[in-house]
Amino acid sequence: MPWYVWLMIALVFGSVIGSLLLLRNSAKKLPLSEEQLQRIKRRNVEQDAKDAKEERR
């Protein structure tokens, strides 16, 4: 392959990796209260039970 194809491949990989690193660095945790965490956990348990019930059908 010509040298410019390798250069393009390197630029594409570099831009993808750079974008992923930027996304990781800009991600922030959501400040949730204890009550909100409990509701989320309760909904997850309910949804898991519902999914298991549907799989048994």
PDB file of N, CA and C in Angstrom:
ATOM      1  N   MET A   1       0.840  -1.181   0.000  1.00  0.00           N
ATOM      2  CA  MET A   1       0.000   0.000   0.000  1.00  0.00           C
ATOM      3  C   MET A   1       0.887   1.247   0.000  1.00  0.00           C
ATOM      4  N   PRO A   2       0.415   2.273  -0.640  1.00  0.00           N
ATOM      5  CA  PRO A   2       1.195   3.521  -0.637  1.00  0.00           C
ATOM      6  C   PRO A   2       1.236   4.153   0.750  1.00  0.00           C
ATOM      7  N   TRP A   3       2.200   5.045   0.940  1.00  0.00           N
ATOM      8  CA  TRP A   3       2.417   5.658   2.247  1.00  0.00           C
ATOM      9  C   TRP A   3       1.230   6.488   2.696  1.00  0.00           C
ATOM     10  N   TYR A   4       0.524   7.113   1.751  1.00  0.00           N
ATOM     11  CA  TYR A   4      -0.587   7.981   2.158  1.00  0.00           C
ATOM     12  C   TYR A   4      -1.784   7.188   2.667  1.00  0.00           C
ATOM     13  N   VAL A   5      -1.915   5.933   2.256  1.00  0.00           N
ATOM     14  CA  VAL A   5      -2.982   5.091   2.803  1.00  0.00           C
ATOM     15  C   VAL A   5      -2.696   4.790   4.273  1.00  0.00           C
ATOM     16  N   TRP A   6      -1.434   4.485   4.573  1.00  0.00           N
ATOM     17  CA  TRP A   6      -1.048   4.241   5.970  1.00  0.00           C
ATOM     18  C   TRP A   6      -1.244   5.494   6.811  1.00  0.00           C
ATOM     19  N   LEU A   7      -0.955   6.649   6.227  1.00  0.00           N
ATOM     20  CA  LEU A   7      -1.160   7.908   6.931  1.00  0.00           C
ATOM     21  C   LEU A   7      -2.642   8.122   7.232  1.00  0.00           C
ATOM     22  N   MET A   8      -3.505   7.846   6.286  1.00  0.00           N
ATOM     23  CA  MET A   8      -4.952   7.985   6.488  1.00  0.00           C
ATOM     24  C   MET A   8      -5.447   7.022   7.570  1.00  0.00           C
ATOM     25  N   ILE A   9      -4.946   5.780   7.533  1.00  0.00           N
ATOM     26  CA  ILE A   9      -5.341   4.795   8.553  1.00  0.00           C
ATOM     27  C   ILE A   9      -4.916   5.280   9.938  1.00  0.00           C
ATOM     28  N   ALA A  10      -3.701   5.793  10.053  1.00  0.00           N
ATOM     29  CA  ALA A  10      -3.221   6.297  11.336  1.00  0.00           C
ATOM     30  C   ALA A  10      -4.059   7.485  11.802  1.00  0.00           C
ATOM     31  N   LEU A  11      -4.414   8.375  10.898  1.00  0.00           N
ATOM     32  CA  LEU A  11      -5.239   9.531  11.263  1.00  0.00           C
ATOM     33  C   LEU A  11      -6.632   9.103  11.724  1.00  0.00           C
ATOM     34  N   VAL A  12      -7.213   8.121  11.057  1.00  0.00           N
ATOM     35  CA  VAL A  12      -8.542   7.638  11.450  1.00  0.00           C
ATOM     36  C   VAL A  12      -8.488   7.019  12.841  1.00  0.00           C
ATOM     37  N   PHE A  13      -7.519   6.131  13.059  1.00  0.00           N
ATOM     38  CA  PHE A  13      -7.395   5.510  14.381  1.00  0.00           C
ATOM     39  C   PHE A  13      -7.108   6.557  15.456  1.00  0.00           C
ATOM     40  N   GLY A  14      -6.260   7.516  15.143  1.00  0.00           N
ATOM     41  CA  GLY A  14      -5.948   8.557  16.104  1.00  0.00           C
ATOM     42  C   GLY A  14      -7.165   9.396  16.458  1.00  0.00           C
ATOM     43  N   SER A  15      -7.988   9.713  15.460  1.00  0.00           N
ATOM     44  CA  SER A  15      -9.172  10.525  15.754  1.00  0.00           C
ATOM     45  C   SER A  15     -10.198   9.736  16.557  1.00  0.00           C
ATOM     46  N   VAL A  16     -10.352   8.442  16.284  1.00  0.00           N
ATOM     47  CA  VAL A  16     -11.294   7.620  17.048  1.00  0.00           C
ATOM     48  C   VAL A  16     -10.832   7.487  18.496  1.00  0.00           C
ATOM     49  N   ILE A  17      -9.569   7.175  18.690  1.00  0.00           N
ATOM     50  CA  ILE A  17      -9.042   7.020  20.053  1.00  0.00           C
ATOM     51  C   ILE A  17      -9.091   8.347  20.795  1.00  0.00           C
ATOM     52  N   GLY A  18      -8.742   9.437  20.117  1.00  0.00           N
ATOM     53  CA  GLY A  18      -8.804  10.751  20.747  1.00  0.00           C
ATOM     54  C   GLY A  18     -10.225  11.119  21.156  1.00  0.00           C
ATOM     55  N   SER A  19     -11.192  10.805  20.298  1.00  0.00           N
ATOM     56  CA  SER A  19     -12.591  11.097  20.629  1.00  0.00           C
ATOM     57  C   SER A  19     -13.055  10.288  21.830  1.00  0.00           C
ATOM     58  N   LEU A  20     -12.671   9.020  21.886  1.00  0.00           N
ATOM     59  CA  LEU A  20     -13.056   8.184  23.023  1.00  0.00           C
ATOM     60  C   LEU A  20     -12.428   8.682  24.319  1.00  0.00           C
ATOM     61  N   LEU A  21     -11.185   9.094  24.270  1.00  0.00           N
ATOM     62  CA  LEU A  21     -10.527   9.628  25.467  1.00  0.00           C
ATOM     63  C   LEU A  21     -11.178  10.933  25.911  1.00  0.00           C
ATOM     64  N   LEU A  22     -11.544  11.785  24.968  1.00  0.00           N
ATOM     65  CA  LEU A  22     -12.211  13.039  25.301  1.00  0.00           C
ATOM     66  C   LEU A  22     -13.571  12.774  25.932  1.00  0.00           C
ATOM     67  N   LEU A  23     -14.299  11.805  25.389  1.00  0.00           N
ATOM     68  CA  LEU A  23     -15.605  11.444  25.933  1.00  0.00           C
ATOM     69  C   LEU A  23     -15.463  10.902  27.352  1.00  0.00           C
ATOM     70  N   ARG A  24     -14.464  10.065  27.581  1.00  0.00           N
ATOM     71  CA  ARG A  24     -14.242   9.508  28.912  1.00  0.00           C
ATOM     72  C   ARG A  24     -13.904  10.602  29.915  1.00  0.00           C
ATOM     73  N   ASN A  25     -13.081  11.550  29.511  1.00  0.00           N
ATOM     74  CA  ASN A  25     -12.666  12.619  30.419  1.00  0.00           C
ATOM     75  C   ASN A  25     -13.787  13.601  30.715  1.00  0.00           C
ATOM     76  N   SER A  26     -14.728  13.746  29.806  1.00  0.00           N
ATOM     77  CA  SER A  26     -15.794  14.718  30.015  1.00  0.00           C
ATOM     78  C   SER A  26     -17.013  14.112  30.705  1.00  0.00           C
ATOM     79  N   ALA A  27     -17.015  12.811  30.905  1.00  0.00           N
ATOM     80  CA  ALA A  27     -18.151  12.158  31.569  1.00  0.00           C
ATOM     81  C   ALA A  27     -18.141  12.522  33.052  1.00  0.00           C
ATOM     82  N   LYS A  28     -19.314  12.819  33.583  1.00  0.00           N
ATOM     83  CA  LYS A  28     -19.436  13.184  34.993  1.00  0.00           C
ATOM     84  C   LYS A  28     -20.459  12.285  35.662  1.00  0.00           C
ATOM     85  N   LYS A  29     -20.223  11.998  36.913  1.00  0.00           N
ATOM     86  CA  LYS A  29     -21.172  11.206  37.682  1.00  0.00           C
ATOM     87  C   LYS A  29     -22.400  12.038  38.001  1.00  0.00           C
ATOM     88  N   LEU A  30     -23.553  11.388  38.010  1.00  0.00           N
ATOM     89  CA  LEU A  30     -24.782  12.067  38.379  1.00  0.00           C
ATOM     90  C   LEU A  30     -24.914  12.088  39.896  1.00  0.00           C
ATOM     91  N   PRO A  31     -25.127  13.240  40.470  1.00  0.00           N
ATOM     92  CA  PRO A  31     -25.329  13.293  41.921  1.00  0.00           C
ATOM     93  C   PRO A  31     -26.757  12.851  42.262  1.00  0.00           C
ATOM     94  N   LEU A  32     -26.895  11.646  42.782  1.00  0.00           N
ATOM     95  CA  LEU A  32     -28.206  11.107  43.123  1.00  0.00           C
ATOM     96  C   LEU A  32     -28.340  11.005  44.637  1.00  0.00           C
ATOM     97  N   SER A  33     -29.544  11.267  45.105  1.00  0.00           N
ATOM     98  CA  SER A  33     -29.794  11.117  46.536  1.00  0.00           C
ATOM     99  C   SER A  33     -29.980   9.632  46.855  1.00  0.00           C
ATOM    100  N   GLU A  34     -29.960   9.318  48.113  1.00  0.00           N
ATOM    101  CA  GLU A  34     -30.142   7.926  48.546  1.00  0.00           C
ATOM    102  C   GLU A  34     -31.516   7.413  48.139  1.00  0.00           C
ATOM    103  N   GLU A  35     -32.532   8.271  48.203  1.00  0.00           N
ATOM    104  CA  GLU A  35     -33.890   7.876  47.816  1.00  0.00           C
ATOM    105  C   GLU A  35     -33.952   7.542  46.324  1.00  0.00           C
ATOM    106  N   GLN A  36     -33.296   8.331  45.504  1.00  0.00           N
ATOM    107  CA  GLN A  36     -33.291   8.065  44.066  1.00  0.00           C
ATOM    108  C   GLN A  36     -32.576   6.760  43.754  1.00  0.00           C
ATOM    109  N   LEU A  37     -31.470   6.491  44.461  1.00  0.00           N
ATOM    110  CA  LEU A  37     -30.757   5.232  44.256  1.00  0.00           C
ATOM    111  C   LEU A  37     -31.633   4.036  44.629  1.00  0.00           C
ATOM    112  N   GLN A  38     -32.385   4.163  45.731  1.00  0.00           N
ATOM    113  CA  GLN A  38     -33.264   3.079  46.150  1.00  0.00           C
ATOM    114  C   GLN A  38     -34.356   2.831  45.107  1.00  0.00           C
ATOM    115  N   ARG A  39     -34.927   3.909  44.557  1.00  0.00           N
ATOM    116  CA  ARG A  39     -35.965   3.749  43.539  1.00  0.00           C
ATOM    117  C   ARG A  39     -35.414   3.081  42.288  1.00  0.00           C
ATOM    118  N   ILE A  40     -34.199   3.458  41.894  1.00  0.00           N
ATOM    119  CA  ILE A  40     -33.580   2.855  40.717  1.00  0.00           C
ATOM    120  C   ILE A  40     -33.346   1.365  40.947  1.00  0.00           C
ATOM    121  N   LYS A  41     -32.823   1.022  42.125  1.00  0.00           N
ATOM    122  CA  LYS A  41     -32.579  -0.393  42.435  1.00  0.00           C
ATOM    123  C   LYS A  41     -33.875  -1.180  42.454  1.00  0.00           C
ATOM    124  N   ARG A  42     -34.940  -0.590  43.027  1.00  0.00           N
ATOM    125  CA  ARG A  42     -36.236  -1.264  43.090  1.00  0.00           C
ATOM    126  C   ARG A  42     -36.795  -1.495  41.676  1.00  0.00           C
ATOM    127  N   ARG A  43     -36.683  -0.486  40.813  1.00  0.00           N
ATOM    128  CA  ARG A  43     -37.161  -0.634  39.433  1.00  0.00           C
ATOM    129  C   ARG A  43     -36.367  -1.692  38.688  1.00  0.00           C
ATOM    130  N   ASN A  44     -35.055  -1.751  38.921  1.00  0.00           N
ATOM    131  CA  ASN A  44     -34.233  -2.767  38.264  1.00  0.00           C
ATOM    132  C   ASN A  44     -34.661  -4.163  38.678  1.00  0.00           C
ATOM    133  N   VAL A  45     -34.938  -4.353  39.970  1.00  0.00           N
ATOM    134  CA  VAL A  45     -35.383  -5.662  40.452  1.00  0.00           C
ATOM    135  C   VAL A  45     -36.729  -6.009  39.824  1.00  0.00           C
ATOM    136  N   GLU A  46     -37.645  -5.042  39.780  1.00  0.00           N
ATOM    137  CA  GLU A  46     -38.960  -5.297  39.179  1.00  0.00           C
ATOM    138  C   GLU A  46     -38.838  -5.638  37.702  1.00  0.00           C
ATOM    139  N   GLN A  47     -37.975  -4.912  36.988  1.00  0.00           N
ATOM    140  CA  GLN A  47     -37.802  -5.178  35.556  1.00  0.00           C
ATOM    141  C   GLN A  47     -37.155  -6.539  35.331  1.00  0.00           C
ATOM    142  N   ASP A  48     -36.185  -6.914  36.162  1.00  0.00           N
ATOM    143  CA  ASP A  48     -35.572  -8.235  36.041  1.00  0.00           C
ATOM    144  C   ASP A  48     -36.604  -9.333  36.259  1.00  0.00           C
ATOM    145  N   ALA A  49     -37.489  -9.157  37.238  1.00  0.00           N
ATOM    146  CA  ALA A  49     -38.530 -10.148  37.490  1.00  0.00           C
ATOM    147  C   ALA A  49     -39.492 -10.221  36.303  1.00  0.00           C
ATOM    148  N   LYS A  50     -39.834  -9.079  35.749  1.00  0.00           N
ATOM    149  CA  LYS A  50     -40.739  -9.043  34.591  1.00  0.00           C
ATOM    150  C   LYS A  50     -40.092  -9.733  33.384  1.00  0.00           C
ATOM    151  N   ASP A  51     -38.812  -9.472  33.156  1.00  0.00           N
ATOM    152  CA  ASP A  51     -38.103 -10.104  32.049  1.00  0.00           C
ATOM    153  C   ASP A  51     -38.019 -11.612  32.232  1.00  0.00           C
ATOM    154  N   ALA A  52     -37.744 -12.051  33.448  1.00  0.00           N
ATOM    155  CA  ALA A  52     -37.674 -13.488  33.722  1.00  0.00           C
ATOM    156  C   ALA A  52     -39.030 -14.155  33.500  1.00  0.00           C
ATOM    157  N   LYS A  53     -40.092 -13.469  33.882  1.00  0.00           N
ATOM    158  CA  LYS A  53     -41.450 -14.000  33.692  1.00  0.00           C
ATOM    159  C   LYS A  53     -41.767 -14.131  32.199  1.00  0.00           C
ATOM    160  N   GLU A  54     -41.361 -13.135  31.408  1.00  0.00           N
ATOM    161  CA  GLU A  54     -41.617 -13.188  29.977  1.00  0.00           C
ATOM    162  C   GLU A  54     -40.793 -14.268  29.293  1.00  0.00           C
ATOM    163  N   GLU A  55     -39.578 -14.527  29.782  1.00  0.00           N
ATOM    164  CA  GLU A  55     -38.745 -15.570  29.194  1.00  0.00           C
ATOM    165  C   GLU A  55     -39.312 -16.959  29.444  1.00  0.00           C
ATOM    166  N   ARG A  56     -40.013 -17.138  30.553  1.00  0.00           N
ATOM    167  CA  ARG A  56     -40.580 -18.438  30.864  1.00  0.00           C
ATOM    168  C   ARG A  56     -41.777 -18.771  29.981  1.00  0.00           C
ATOM    169  N   ARG A  57     -42.358 -17.791  29.344  1.00  0.00           N
ATOM    170  CA  ARG A  57     -43.528 -18.049  28.491  1.00  0.00           C
ATOM    171  C   ARG A  57     -43.180 -18.826  27.266  1.00  0.00           C
TER     172      ARG A  57
END
